[in-house]
Amino acid sequence: MRSREPSSSMARRLVALAGSIAIAASVFVATPLRVHAAVNSCDTVDITPVAPLTVHVTVSGCGDDVSTDASFSATARLFQGTSLTEFKMWEKAAQNVGTLVDVDVTVPVYGSWRLEVEYWAGAVPVVNPDPITVSVAAGTKVTVTQPFLTFRLNQMSSGAFPASVNWQNSSPNTATAYRLYRSIDGGSFSLLATLPVTATTGAPNAKMAYTTTVAPNHQWQYKVIPVNGAGDGPEQISRNDTAKGYQNQNSSLNYTYRGTWAGASLLNNWGGSTRVSKIAGSNVTFTFTGTVAAIVLSTGPTRGSFKVYTYEGTTWRLWRTISTYSGVNAYRKTLWAIRWPEPGTHAIRVVVVGTAGHPRVDIDGFMTLE
């Protein structure tokens, strides 16, 4: 602390409110703060909660030096870290009667923060007290939902299925990162990625999606561990899903075709072939046992639309009408995928619309997670 010559009327003492101050699910864990040599015992530096990662800083006094001397002022500075070389996040200069500083401060991350308050009489600093250090940590470990694997709407490449690992945050959310692990074919989990928290993914109840690919005929399982200032949260582990591919030319037992369909051998299609129909009402029903399925097909300037249904106990449910038209040809595309919360036997039906001018629908097959 730099040495200053305090005047008897302006020398002050800072009494910090020590203890644990809750901020939603976060907690300011404050070590007992130092008391500085001064006269007035009721002067305070108050740090109070406003919202997650936001605090309200108040510097006030009750002595004659504040109430009678309009030249008295204070400057408060908030630094990240505890050393003098750390980054200064915020500075507030105030001159008032009774309350010298009264402001909200947003703290962008958890960690250690230092609050410095310097008092002035006009242009002369009368007291430059030691800094107040407050450690900001999450008082409650973060929880997440069980992750699940599903297929993404994208193009299949090199035999790998486009997929994503998904989970949802708790509310309120104080996570600073997520560690994602993967197990293949029942092996041990290995770290796949450490995902930092952003403004979007750090929001309460935010839905997370990690982009990946899965190869067919292998088992895939994922584990998520949320991390914050309180440590590692409870891990959540996904089902152990087996990725399978049902190319239409190799999976006759899973397919039922009605109407007019023709086979076509095309190098760019999945497995080198596809099934084609241009007739409205022609349909194919695919049946499997599992939780996730996606349709693999082609798009292009001669392609049209189809309707997709699932069998829901006693009736067929229409999900949507999907266009496979595009300006250029593209192959092995997934334009629709579905996930059921529990494993079971499911049926999906694709019905050709017969779009005027470009009615063709090409179906290569289905990808599943079982």
Protein backbone atom coordinates (compact mmCIF):
# COMPACT_ATOMS: atom_id res chain seq x y z
CA MET A 1 0.00 0.00 0.00
CA ARG A 2 1.31 3.39 -0.95
CA SER A 3 1.80 5.69 2.07
CA ARG A 4 -0.56 8.66 2.27
CA GLU A 5 -0.95 11.30 5.00
CA PRO A 6 -4.64 11.07 5.99
CA SER A 7 -6.42 14.13 7.36
CA SER A 8 -8.38 13.61 10.56
CA SER A 9 -11.69 14.54 8.90
CA MET A 10 -11.21 12.45 5.78
CA ALA A 11 -9.40 9.33 6.91
CA ARG A 12 -11.70 6.38 6.40
CA ARG A 13 -12.12 2.72 7.10
CA LEU A 14 -13.50 0.18 4.66
CA VAL A 15 -15.57 -2.54 6.19
CA ALA A 16 -16.15 -5.29 3.63
CA LEU A 17 -19.16 -7.50 3.80
CA ALA A 18 -17.51 -10.88 3.97
CA GLY A 19 -19.15 -14.26 3.56
CA SER A 20 -21.02 -15.98 0.77
CA ILE A 21 -23.32 -13.85 -1.36
CA ALA A 22 -25.60 -15.86 -3.65
CA ILE A 23 -25.99 -14.87 -7.28
CA ALA A 24 -28.67 -17.13 -8.71
CA ALA A 25 -26.88 -20.51 -8.86
CA SER A 26 -23.55 -18.73 -8.55
CA VAL A 27 -21.90 -17.74 -5.31
CA PHE A 28 -19.44 -14.99 -4.51
CA VAL A 29 -17.09 -16.69 -2.09
CA ALA A 30 -15.50 -13.76 -0.28
CA THR A 31 -12.60 -14.29 2.08
CA PRO A 32 -12.59 -11.91 5.07
CA LEU A 33 -11.55 -8.54 3.67
CA ARG A 34 -8.98 -6.28 5.24
CA VAL A 35 -10.04 -3.38 7.45
CA HIS A 36 -8.07 -0.19 6.84
CA ALA A 37 -6.95 2.32 9.44
CA ALA A 38 -9.49 5.12 9.57
CA VAL A 39 -11.90 6.99 11.81
CA ASN A 40 -15.43 6.20 10.63
CA SER A 41 -16.62 2.65 11.36
CA CYS A 42 -19.78 2.78 9.26
CA ASP A 43 -18.17 3.36 5.85
CA THR A 44 -18.71 0.31 3.62
CA VAL A 45 -17.84 -1.29 0.35
CA ASP A 46 -20.84 -3.43 -0.57
CA ILE A 47 -20.86 -6.04 -3.34
CA THR A 48 -24.36 -7.41 -3.87
CA PRO A 49 -25.91 -9.81 -6.41
CA VAL A 50 -27.97 -8.61 -9.35
CA ALA A 51 -27.98 -11.49 -11.83
CA PRO A 52 -25.65 -14.31 -12.89
CA LEU A 53 -22.19 -12.81 -13.46
CA THR A 54 -23.40 -9.33 -12.50
CA VAL A 55 -22.69 -7.55 -9.22
CA HIS A 56 -23.70 -4.20 -7.81
CA VAL A 57 -20.85 -2.20 -6.27
CA THR A 58 -21.66 0.45 -3.69
CA VAL A 59 -19.07 2.61 -1.89
CA SER A 60 -20.65 4.80 0.77
CA GLY A 61 -19.89 6.59 4.03
CA CYS A 62 -21.64 8.27 6.93
CA GLY A 63 -19.02 10.64 8.38
CA ASP A 64 -18.84 14.43 8.18
CA ASP A 65 -16.18 14.12 5.50
CA VAL A 66 -18.82 12.86 3.06
CA SER A 67 -21.88 14.80 4.16
CA THR A 68 -20.23 18.22 4.37
CA ASP A 69 -17.35 18.22 1.90
CA ALA A 70 -18.57 18.32 -1.72
CA SER A 71 -14.98 17.96 -2.96
CA PHE A 72 -14.68 14.47 -1.52
CA SER A 73 -14.71 11.72 -4.18
CA ALA A 74 -13.71 8.14 -4.79
CA THR A 75 -12.56 6.06 -7.74
CA ALA A 76 -13.36 2.34 -7.80
CA ARG A 77 -11.63 -0.03 -10.20
CA LEU A 78 -12.41 -3.69 -10.86
CA PHE A 79 -9.58 -5.91 -12.08
CA GLN A 80 -9.55 -9.53 -13.21
CA GLY A 81 -7.04 -11.46 -11.12
CA THR A 82 -5.21 -10.45 -7.98
CA SER A 83 -1.95 -9.04 -9.29
CA LEU A 84 -1.38 -5.43 -10.27
CA THR A 85 -0.62 -6.46 -13.85
CA GLU A 86 -4.02 -8.05 -14.45
CA PHE A 87 -6.47 -6.60 -16.92
CA LYS A 88 -8.63 -3.71 -15.72
CA MET A 89 -12.25 -4.50 -16.57
CA TRP A 90 -14.02 -1.45 -15.25
CA GLU A 91 -13.46 1.92 -13.59
CA LYS A 92 -15.95 4.24 -11.95
CA ALA A 93 -15.25 7.69 -10.56
CA ALA A 94 -17.97 9.26 -8.44
CA GLN A 95 -18.55 12.37 -6.37
CA ASN A 96 -21.66 12.35 -4.26
CA VAL A 97 -23.02 12.93 -0.78
CA GLY A 98 -23.48 9.68 1.12
CA THR A 99 -22.95 7.28 -1.77
CA LEU A 100 -19.76 7.67 -3.75
CA VAL A 101 -20.08 4.70 -6.14
CA ASP A 102 -23.35 3.02 -7.06
CA VAL A 103 -23.18 0.93 -10.22
CA ASP A 104 -23.79 -2.49 -11.79
CA VAL A 105 -20.69 -4.36 -12.92
CA THR A 106 -20.80 -7.28 -15.35
CA VAL A 107 -18.21 -9.95 -14.66
CA PRO A 108 -17.78 -11.94 -17.88
CA VAL A 109 -16.22 -15.08 -16.39
CA TYR A 110 -15.73 -16.72 -13.04
CA GLY A 111 -12.44 -16.40 -11.27
CA SER A 112 -10.64 -14.01 -8.96
CA TRP A 113 -11.46 -10.29 -9.06
CA ARG A 114 -9.93 -7.30 -7.28
CA LEU A 115 -11.83 -4.18 -6.28
CA GLU A 116 -9.74 -1.08 -5.58
CA VAL A 117 -11.17 2.11 -4.09
CA GLU A 118 -9.16 5.34 -3.93
CA TYR A 119 -10.41 8.39 -2.00
CA TRP A 120 -9.71 11.98 -2.95
CA ALA A 121 -10.15 15.45 -1.46
CA GLY A 122 -10.27 17.61 -4.54
CA ALA A 123 -7.17 16.58 -6.50
CA VAL A 124 -5.32 15.12 -3.50
CA PRO A 125 -5.57 11.39 -2.70
CA VAL A 126 -6.13 11.14 1.04
CA VAL A 127 -6.34 7.37 1.40
CA ASN A 128 -5.29 4.66 -1.02
CA PRO A 129 -6.36 1.46 0.76
CA ASP A 130 -5.24 -2.06 0.00
CA PRO A 131 -7.33 -3.72 -2.70
CA ILE A 132 -10.30 -5.91 -1.85
CA THR A 133 -10.11 -9.35 -3.47
CA VAL A 134 -13.26 -11.35 -4.13
CA SER A 135 -13.23 -14.85 -5.58
CA VAL A 136 -16.15 -15.59 -7.86
CA ALA A 137 -17.04 -19.26 -8.22
CA ALA A 138 -20.10 -21.27 -9.07
CA GLY A 139 -21.60 -22.50 -5.84
CA THR A 140 -23.66 -25.17 -7.57
CA LYS A 141 -22.29 -27.70 -10.02
CA VAL A 142 -23.92 -27.63 -13.43
CA THR A 143 -26.15 -30.47 -14.56
CA VAL A 144 -27.06 -31.46 -18.11
CA THR A 145 -29.56 -33.85 -19.64
CA GLN A 146 -28.56 -37.26 -20.97
CA PRO A 147 -26.85 -36.74 -24.35
CA PHE A 148 -28.21 -38.47 -27.42
CA LEU A 149 -26.88 -39.18 -30.89
CA THR A 150 -28.90 -38.30 -33.96
CA PHE A 151 -28.39 -37.70 -37.68
CA ARG A 152 -27.77 -34.31 -39.27
CA LEU A 153 -29.26 -33.09 -42.53
CA ASN A 154 -26.18 -33.11 -44.70
CA GLN A 155 -24.36 -35.11 -47.36
CA MET A 156 -22.87 -38.51 -46.63
CA SER A 157 -19.18 -38.71 -47.50
CA SER A 158 -16.76 -41.65 -47.59
CA GLY A 159 -19.33 -43.95 -46.04
CA ALA A 160 -19.57 -41.87 -42.83
CA PHE A 161 -23.01 -40.79 -41.64
CA PRO A 162 -23.47 -37.09 -40.71
CA ALA A 163 -24.45 -36.97 -37.03
CA SER A 164 -24.53 -34.77 -33.92
CA VAL A 165 -24.34 -35.30 -30.16
CA ASN A 166 -27.02 -33.29 -28.35
CA TRP A 167 -27.80 -32.32 -24.76
CA GLN A 168 -29.42 -29.49 -22.82
CA ASN A 169 -28.10 -27.29 -20.01
CA SER A 170 -29.67 -26.79 -16.62
CA SER A 171 -31.24 -23.51 -15.54
CA PRO A 172 -29.64 -21.34 -14.32
CA ASN A 173 -26.50 -22.26 -16.23
CA THR A 174 -23.07 -21.40 -14.80
CA ALA A 175 -20.97 -23.73 -16.94
CA THR A 176 -17.60 -22.50 -18.18
CA ALA A 177 -16.93 -25.53 -20.45
CA TYR A 178 -18.14 -28.99 -21.42
CA ARG A 179 -15.95 -32.04 -21.86
CA LEU A 180 -17.23 -34.52 -24.41
CA TYR A 181 -15.97 -38.12 -24.46
CA ARG A 182 -16.58 -40.93 -26.96
CA SER A 183 -16.54 -44.73 -26.78
CA ILE A 184 -16.45 -46.90 -29.92
CA ASP A 185 -17.60 -50.53 -29.92
CA GLY A 186 -17.76 -50.66 -26.13
CA GLY A 187 -14.19 -49.45 -25.58
CA SER A 188 -13.04 -46.97 -22.94
CA PHE A 189 -14.11 -43.35 -23.20
CA SER A 190 -11.56 -40.94 -24.67
CA LEU A 191 -11.76 -37.15 -24.76
CA LEU A 192 -13.30 -36.01 -28.03
CA ALA A 193 -13.51 -32.25 -27.41
CA THR A 194 -13.50 -29.55 -24.73
CA LEU A 195 -16.18 -27.05 -25.67
CA PRO A 196 -15.93 -23.49 -24.30
CA VAL A 197 -19.09 -21.69 -23.28
CA THR A 198 -20.33 -18.84 -25.45
CA ALA A 199 -23.13 -16.34 -24.93
CA THR A 200 -25.46 -18.73 -26.76
CA THR A 201 -24.40 -22.05 -25.25
CA GLY A 202 -24.13 -20.54 -21.79
CA ALA A 203 -27.75 -19.47 -21.70
CA PRO A 204 -30.10 -21.25 -19.28
CA ASN A 205 -31.62 -24.37 -20.87
CA ALA A 206 -29.48 -23.88 -23.99
CA LYS A 207 -29.49 -26.85 -26.35
CA MET A 208 -26.04 -28.07 -27.34
CA ALA A 209 -25.16 -29.90 -30.56
CA TYR A 210 -21.68 -31.21 -31.36
CA THR A 211 -21.15 -31.99 -35.05
CA THR A 212 -19.55 -35.35 -35.83
CA THR A 213 -19.80 -38.40 -38.11
CA VAL A 214 -20.35 -42.08 -37.35
CA ALA A 215 -19.35 -45.08 -39.43
CA PRO A 216 -21.92 -47.86 -40.00
CA ASN A 217 -21.71 -51.22 -38.24
CA HIS A 218 -20.05 -49.75 -35.15
CA GLN A 219 -21.35 -48.87 -31.67
CA TRP A 220 -21.18 -45.23 -30.59
CA GLN A 221 -21.56 -43.89 -27.06
CA TYR A 222 -20.90 -40.40 -25.65
CA LYS A 223 -20.32 -38.86 -22.22
CA VAL A 224 -20.73 -35.17 -21.26
CA ILE A 225 -19.21 -33.56 -18.15
CA PRO A 226 -20.13 -29.89 -17.45
CA VAL A 227 -17.47 -27.79 -15.71
CA ASN A 228 -17.65 -24.59 -13.68
CA GLY A 229 -15.94 -22.95 -10.69
CA ALA A 230 -17.37 -25.58 -8.35
CA GLY A 231 -15.69 -28.38 -10.31
CA ASP A 232 -16.94 -31.16 -12.56
CA GLY A 233 -20.67 -31.67 -12.65
CA PRO A 234 -22.25 -35.13 -12.76
CA GLU A 235 -21.46 -37.00 -15.97
CA GLN A 236 -24.23 -38.01 -18.33
CA ILE A 237 -23.84 -40.94 -20.73
CA SER A 238 -25.79 -41.61 -23.91
CA ARG A 239 -27.21 -44.90 -25.11
CA ASN A 240 -24.81 -47.24 -26.86
CA ASP A 241 -26.14 -46.90 -30.43
CA THR A 242 -25.20 -49.05 -33.39
CA ALA A 243 -25.17 -47.18 -36.69
CA LYS A 244 -26.56 -49.18 -39.61
CA GLY A 245 -27.12 -48.49 -43.28
CA TYR A 246 -29.93 -50.04 -45.33
CA GLN A 247 -29.19 -49.54 -49.00
CA ASN A 248 -32.31 -50.31 -51.00
CA GLN A 249 -30.60 -52.90 -53.22
CA ASN A 250 -29.35 -54.92 -50.23
CA SER A 251 -32.22 -54.66 -47.73
CA SER A 252 -35.32 -56.10 -49.38
CA LEU A 253 -36.68 -57.44 -46.09
CA ASN A 254 -36.89 -53.89 -44.67
CA TYR A 255 -38.62 -52.35 -47.71
CA THR A 256 -42.11 -52.64 -49.17
CA TYR A 257 -42.55 -50.93 -52.55
CA ARG A 258 -45.95 -50.03 -54.02
CA GLY A 259 -46.64 -48.38 -57.37
CA THR A 260 -44.02 -47.87 -60.04
CA TRP A 261 -40.33 -47.99 -59.12
CA ALA A 262 -37.28 -48.72 -61.23
CA GLY A 263 -33.70 -49.46 -60.30
CA ALA A 264 -30.91 -47.25 -61.61
CA SER A 265 -27.15 -47.75 -61.38
CA LEU A 266 -25.38 -44.47 -60.75
CA LEU A 267 -21.79 -44.21 -59.56
CA ASN A 268 -22.44 -41.24 -57.25
CA ASN A 269 -25.34 -42.82 -55.38
CA TRP A 270 -24.95 -44.65 -52.07
CA GLY A 271 -23.79 -48.15 -52.97
CA GLY A 272 -23.81 -47.27 -56.68
CA SER A 273 -27.56 -47.60 -57.21
CA THR A 274 -30.91 -46.03 -56.37
CA ARG A 275 -34.68 -46.59 -56.75
CA VAL A 276 -36.54 -44.10 -58.96
CA SER A 277 -40.22 -43.21 -59.33
CA LYS A 278 -41.98 -40.46 -61.27
CA ILE A 279 -45.55 -41.58 -60.58
CA ALA A 280 -47.70 -39.79 -58.00
CA GLY A 281 -48.81 -42.10 -55.19
CA SER A 282 -45.97 -44.58 -55.60
CA ASN A 283 -44.55 -45.25 -52.16
CA VAL A 284 -42.01 -47.23 -50.19
CA THR A 285 -42.30 -48.30 -46.53
CA PHE A 286 -39.16 -48.88 -44.48
CA THR A 287 -39.33 -50.79 -41.18
CA PHE A 288 -36.61 -51.04 -38.51
CA THR A 289 -36.08 -51.39 -34.76
CA GLY A 290 -34.20 -48.55 -33.07
CA THR A 291 -34.47 -44.86 -32.17
CA VAL A 292 -33.21 -42.77 -35.14
CA ALA A 293 -33.64 -42.96 -38.90
CA ALA A 294 -32.80 -40.73 -41.88
CA ILE A 295 -33.61 -40.97 -45.59
CA VAL A 296 -30.72 -40.93 -48.06
CA LEU A 297 -31.59 -39.64 -51.54
CA SER A 298 -30.56 -37.42 -54.46
CA THR A 299 -31.44 -33.84 -55.38
CA GLY A 300 -31.27 -32.10 -58.74
CA PRO A 301 -33.09 -30.10 -61.45
CA THR A 302 -35.28 -33.07 -62.49
CA ARG A 303 -36.22 -34.11 -58.95
CA GLY A 304 -39.56 -33.46 -57.31
CA SER A 305 -41.28 -33.68 -53.93
CA PHE A 306 -42.35 -36.46 -51.62
CA LYS A 307 -44.44 -36.77 -48.46
CA VAL A 308 -43.02 -38.54 -45.42
CA TYR A 309 -45.15 -40.42 -42.86
CA THR A 310 -44.56 -42.54 -39.77
CA TYR A 311 -46.88 -45.21 -38.46
CA GLU A 312 -48.22 -44.22 -35.04
CA GLY A 313 -50.01 -47.28 -33.66
CA THR A 314 -53.18 -47.22 -35.77
CA THR A 315 -52.69 -44.39 -38.27
CA TRP A 316 -50.07 -42.88 -40.54
CA ARG A 317 -48.88 -39.45 -39.41
CA LEU A 318 -47.87 -36.97 -42.11
CA TRP A 319 -44.76 -35.06 -41.05
CA ARG A 320 -44.08 -32.84 -44.02
CA THR A 321 -43.74 -32.51 -47.80
CA ILE A 322 -40.08 -32.31 -48.87
CA SER A 323 -38.72 -31.03 -52.17
CA THR A 324 -35.67 -32.70 -53.69
CA TYR A 325 -35.36 -30.04 -56.39
CA SER A 326 -32.07 -28.15 -56.70
CA GLY A 327 -30.22 -26.31 -59.45
CA VAL A 328 -27.44 -28.90 -59.61
CA ASN A 329 -27.27 -32.63 -58.95
CA ALA A 330 -26.25 -33.73 -55.47
CA TYR A 331 -26.09 -37.26 -54.14
CA ARG A 332 -26.28 -39.15 -50.82
CA LYS A 333 -28.21 -36.35 -49.12
CA THR A 334 -30.19 -36.61 -45.88
CA LEU A 335 -33.15 -34.21 -46.13
CA TRP A 336 -35.21 -35.67 -43.29
CA ALA A 337 -34.42 -37.48 -40.05
CA ILE A 338 -36.44 -38.51 -37.01
CA ARG A 339 -35.65 -39.60 -33.46
CA TRP A 340 -37.90 -41.49 -31.05
CA PRO A 341 -37.21 -41.14 -27.30
CA GLU A 342 -37.27 -44.91 -26.73
CA PRO A 343 -36.17 -47.87 -28.87
CA GLY A 344 -38.94 -49.65 -30.71
CA THR A 345 -40.09 -51.00 -34.07
CA HIS A 346 -40.97 -48.13 -36.41
CA ALA A 347 -42.23 -47.73 -39.97
CA ILE A 348 -41.52 -44.79 -42.29
CA ARG A 349 -43.35 -44.26 -45.58
CA VAL A 350 -42.22 -42.08 -48.50
CA VAL A 351 -44.94 -41.15 -51.03
CA VAL A 352 -44.11 -39.58 -54.40
CA VAL A 353 -46.04 -36.34 -55.05
CA GLY A 354 -45.51 -36.25 -58.84
CA THR A 355 -44.35 -32.64 -59.11
CA ALA A 356 -45.31 -31.11 -62.47
CA GLY A 357 -42.32 -30.76 -64.80
CA HIS A 358 -39.87 -32.59 -62.49
CA PRO A 359 -41.65 -35.49 -60.71
CA ARG A 360 -38.69 -37.81 -60.13
CA VAL A 361 -37.78 -39.05 -56.66
CA ASP A 362 -34.59 -41.10 -56.08
CA ILE A 363 -34.18 -43.06 -52.84
CA ASP A 364 -30.81 -44.66 -52.03
CA GLY A 365 -31.77 -46.04 -48.61
CA PHE A 366 -32.04 -45.32 -44.90
CA MET A 367 -29.54 -44.76 -42.08
CA THR A 368 -30.49 -45.91 -38.57
CA LEU A 369 -29.31 -45.95 -34.99
CA GLU A 370 -30.27 -49.15 -33.19
